[in-house]
N, C-alpha and C. Protein backbone atom coordinates (compact mmCIF):
# COMPACT_ATOMS: atom_id res chain seq x y z
N MET A 1 0.85 -1.19 0.00
CA MET A 1 0.00 0.00 0.00
C MET A 1 0.89 1.24 0.00
N PRO A 2 0.59 2.22 -0.86
CA PRO A 2 1.42 3.43 -0.92
C PRO A 2 1.32 4.23 0.37
N GLU A 3 2.41 4.93 0.65
CA GLU A 3 2.45 5.81 1.82
C GLU A 3 1.52 6.99 1.58
N GLU A 4 0.73 7.34 2.61
CA GLU A 4 -0.18 8.47 2.51
C GLU A 4 0.49 9.72 3.08
N ASN A 5 0.27 10.83 2.41
CA ASN A 5 0.76 12.13 2.87
C ASN A 5 -0.42 13.05 3.08
N PHE A 6 -0.41 13.74 4.21
CA PHE A 6 -1.46 14.71 4.50
C PHE A 6 -0.81 16.09 4.54
N LEU A 7 -1.32 16.98 3.71
CA LEU A 7 -0.76 18.32 3.61
C LEU A 7 -1.82 19.36 3.97
N SER A 8 -1.35 20.42 4.56
CA SER A 8 -2.22 21.56 4.85
C SER A 8 -1.42 22.82 4.54
N LEU A 9 -1.58 23.31 3.32
CA LEU A 9 -0.83 24.49 2.89
C LEU A 9 -1.60 25.76 3.19
N GLN A 10 -0.88 26.79 3.53
CA GLN A 10 -1.46 28.12 3.69
C GLN A 10 -1.81 28.64 2.29
N PRO A 11 -2.71 29.61 2.18
CA PRO A 11 -3.10 30.12 0.86
C PRO A 11 -1.90 30.59 0.01
N SER A 12 -0.97 31.30 0.60
CA SER A 12 0.18 31.78 -0.18
C SER A 12 1.07 30.62 -0.63
N GLU A 13 1.19 29.58 0.18
CA GLU A 13 1.96 28.40 -0.20
C GLU A 13 1.28 27.67 -1.36
N SER A 14 -0.04 27.64 -1.35
CA SER A 14 -0.78 27.01 -2.43
C SER A 14 -0.57 27.76 -3.75
N VAL A 15 -0.51 29.08 -3.67
CA VAL A 15 -0.27 29.89 -4.88
C VAL A 15 1.11 29.56 -5.44
N VAL A 16 2.12 29.52 -4.58
CA VAL A 16 3.48 29.22 -5.04
C VAL A 16 3.55 27.80 -5.61
N ALA A 17 2.92 26.84 -4.95
CA ALA A 17 2.92 25.46 -5.45
C ALA A 17 2.24 25.37 -6.81
N ASN A 18 1.15 26.09 -6.98
CA ASN A 18 0.44 26.09 -8.27
C ASN A 18 1.33 26.69 -9.36
N MET A 19 1.95 27.82 -9.06
CA MET A 19 2.84 28.45 -10.03
C MET A 19 4.02 27.54 -10.36
N ALA A 20 4.61 26.93 -9.35
CA ALA A 20 5.76 26.05 -9.56
C ALA A 20 5.38 24.86 -10.42
N SER A 21 4.19 24.33 -10.22
CA SER A 21 3.77 23.18 -11.03
C SER A 21 3.61 23.56 -12.50
N ARG A 22 3.15 24.77 -12.75
CA ARG A 22 3.02 25.23 -14.14
C ARG A 22 4.40 25.43 -14.78
N ILE A 23 5.32 26.00 -14.03
CA ILE A 23 6.69 26.18 -14.53
C ILE A 23 7.32 24.82 -14.79
N PHE A 24 7.16 23.90 -13.84
CA PHE A 24 7.70 22.55 -13.97
C PHE A 24 7.13 21.86 -15.21
N SER A 25 5.83 22.02 -15.44
CA SER A 25 5.22 21.37 -16.60
C SER A 25 5.78 21.93 -17.91
N ALA A 26 6.16 23.20 -17.92
CA ALA A 26 6.79 23.78 -19.11
C ALA A 26 8.14 23.13 -19.38
N TYR A 27 8.92 22.91 -18.30
CA TYR A 27 10.19 22.20 -18.46
C TYR A 27 9.95 20.78 -18.97
N LEU A 28 8.90 20.12 -18.46
CA LEU A 28 8.55 18.77 -18.92
C LEU A 28 8.22 18.77 -20.41
N GLN A 29 7.41 19.74 -20.83
CA GLN A 29 7.01 19.80 -22.23
C GLN A 29 8.19 20.06 -23.15
N LYS A 30 9.18 20.80 -22.64
CA LYS A 30 10.39 21.06 -23.43
C LYS A 30 11.32 19.85 -23.47
N GLY A 31 11.01 18.82 -22.66
CA GLY A 31 11.83 17.62 -22.64
C GLY A 31 13.10 17.75 -21.81
N GLU A 32 13.14 18.74 -20.92
CA GLU A 32 14.33 18.97 -20.11
C GLU A 32 14.37 18.12 -18.84
N VAL A 33 13.24 17.55 -18.43
CA VAL A 33 13.16 16.83 -17.16
C VAL A 33 13.18 15.33 -17.42
N ASN A 34 14.00 14.63 -16.60
CA ASN A 34 14.00 13.17 -16.62
C ASN A 34 14.10 12.69 -15.18
N ASP A 35 14.10 11.38 -14.98
CA ASP A 35 14.14 10.84 -13.62
C ASP A 35 15.37 11.29 -12.85
N ALA A 36 16.48 11.47 -13.55
CA ALA A 36 17.73 11.83 -12.87
C ALA A 36 17.75 13.27 -12.38
N ASN A 37 17.03 14.17 -13.06
CA ASN A 37 17.11 15.59 -12.68
C ASN A 37 15.77 16.19 -12.23
N ALA A 38 14.75 15.37 -12.01
CA ALA A 38 13.43 15.88 -11.66
C ALA A 38 13.46 16.71 -10.38
N ASP A 39 14.18 16.24 -9.36
CA ASP A 39 14.24 17.01 -8.10
C ASP A 39 14.88 18.38 -8.31
N GLU A 40 15.90 18.43 -9.15
CA GLU A 40 16.56 19.71 -9.46
C GLU A 40 15.57 20.67 -10.12
N TYR A 41 14.75 20.17 -11.04
CA TYR A 41 13.80 21.02 -11.73
C TYR A 41 12.62 21.42 -10.84
N ILE A 42 12.25 20.55 -9.90
CA ILE A 42 11.22 20.94 -8.93
C ILE A 42 11.72 22.11 -8.10
N LYS A 43 12.96 22.00 -7.64
CA LYS A 43 13.56 23.08 -6.84
C LYS A 43 13.67 24.36 -7.67
N LYS A 44 14.14 24.23 -8.90
CA LYS A 44 14.31 25.37 -9.79
C LYS A 44 12.95 26.04 -10.07
N SER A 45 11.93 25.25 -10.31
CA SER A 45 10.59 25.77 -10.58
C SER A 45 10.03 26.51 -9.37
N THR A 46 10.23 25.95 -8.19
CA THR A 46 9.73 26.58 -6.97
C THR A 46 10.46 27.88 -6.69
N GLN A 47 11.78 27.88 -6.87
CA GLN A 47 12.55 29.11 -6.65
C GLN A 47 12.11 30.21 -7.62
N LEU A 48 11.85 29.84 -8.86
CA LEU A 48 11.40 30.83 -9.84
C LEU A 48 10.01 31.35 -9.48
N ALA A 49 9.13 30.48 -9.03
CA ALA A 49 7.79 30.91 -8.60
C ALA A 49 7.89 31.90 -7.44
N ILE A 50 8.77 31.63 -6.49
CA ILE A 50 8.96 32.53 -5.35
C ILE A 50 9.51 33.88 -5.81
N ARG A 51 10.43 33.86 -6.76
CA ARG A 51 10.95 35.13 -7.31
C ARG A 51 9.84 35.94 -7.95
N ILE A 52 8.96 35.27 -8.68
CA ILE A 52 7.84 35.97 -9.32
C ILE A 52 6.91 36.56 -8.27
N VAL A 53 6.60 35.78 -7.23
CA VAL A 53 5.73 36.27 -6.16
C VAL A 53 6.36 37.46 -5.45
N ASN A 54 7.66 37.37 -5.13
CA ASN A 54 8.33 38.48 -4.45
C ASN A 54 8.34 39.74 -5.31
N TYR A 55 8.59 39.59 -6.60
CA TYR A 55 8.57 40.76 -7.49
C TYR A 55 7.16 41.35 -7.55
N THR A 56 6.17 40.50 -7.70
CA THR A 56 4.78 40.96 -7.77
C THR A 56 4.41 41.72 -6.50
N ASP A 57 4.87 41.22 -5.36
CA ASP A 57 4.57 41.88 -4.08
C ASP A 57 5.21 43.26 -4.00
N THR A 58 6.34 43.48 -4.67
CA THR A 58 6.98 44.79 -4.62
C THR A 58 6.30 45.81 -5.54
N VAL A 59 5.66 45.35 -6.61
CA VAL A 59 5.05 46.28 -7.56
C VAL A 59 3.55 46.42 -7.42
N CYS A 60 2.94 45.55 -6.65
CA CYS A 60 1.48 45.60 -6.46
C CYS A 60 1.14 45.70 -4.99
N LYS A 61 0.11 46.45 -4.69
CA LYS A 61 -0.40 46.55 -3.33
C LYS A 61 -1.81 45.98 -3.31
N SER A 62 -2.07 45.11 -2.35
CA SER A 62 -3.44 44.62 -2.18
C SER A 62 -4.24 45.68 -1.46
N ASP A 63 -5.56 45.53 -1.46
CA ASP A 63 -6.42 46.49 -0.77
C ASP A 63 -6.03 46.61 0.70
N GLY A 64 -5.78 45.48 1.34
CA GLY A 64 -5.42 45.48 2.76
C GLY A 64 -4.12 46.21 3.03
N GLU A 65 -3.12 46.01 2.17
CA GLU A 65 -1.84 46.71 2.34
C GLU A 65 -2.00 48.21 2.13
N TRP A 66 -2.76 48.57 1.14
CA TRP A 66 -2.94 49.99 0.83
C TRP A 66 -3.62 50.71 1.98
N MET A 67 -4.67 50.11 2.53
CA MET A 67 -5.42 50.77 3.61
C MET A 67 -4.58 50.86 4.88
N VAL A 68 -3.79 49.85 5.18
CA VAL A 68 -2.94 49.90 6.37
C VAL A 68 -1.85 50.94 6.19
N GLU A 69 -1.25 50.98 5.00
CA GLU A 69 -0.17 51.91 4.74
C GLU A 69 -0.65 53.36 4.83
N LYS A 70 -1.85 53.63 4.36
CA LYS A 70 -2.40 54.98 4.37
C LYS A 70 -3.08 55.32 5.68
N ASN A 71 -3.21 54.33 6.58
CA ASN A 71 -3.91 54.52 7.85
C ASN A 71 -5.33 55.07 7.65
N THR A 72 -5.98 54.60 6.63
CA THR A 72 -7.30 55.12 6.34
C THR A 72 -8.39 54.16 6.77
N GLY A 73 -8.11 52.87 6.84
CA GLY A 73 -9.09 51.89 7.28
C GLY A 73 -10.24 51.73 6.32
N PRO A 74 -11.07 50.71 6.57
CA PRO A 74 -12.19 50.42 5.68
C PRO A 74 -13.22 51.54 5.61
N ALA A 75 -13.36 52.33 6.64
CA ALA A 75 -14.37 53.40 6.66
C ALA A 75 -14.08 54.45 5.59
N SER A 76 -12.82 54.55 5.15
CA SER A 76 -12.47 55.56 4.16
C SER A 76 -13.10 55.24 2.79
N LEU A 77 -13.56 54.00 2.62
CA LEU A 77 -14.16 53.62 1.35
C LEU A 77 -15.60 54.11 1.24
N LEU A 78 -16.18 54.58 2.33
CA LEU A 78 -17.57 55.01 2.31
C LEU A 78 -17.73 56.37 1.66
């Protein structure tokens, strides 16, 4: 019987995992991944996803970040 794994990812971890899987699948489609280097490409894909997330976080502000930064709170939207 296969070993069971139970995971509970935070929302931001799920976003990174989703992005990494898409990047990894692109490497697969290009034929760059094989059994010998799959772990290396998983790591590379995840690191690239994290770089994209970090860059996005520097150039974009969510509603929550904007309101906290401006000290205006939700009432300012009224």
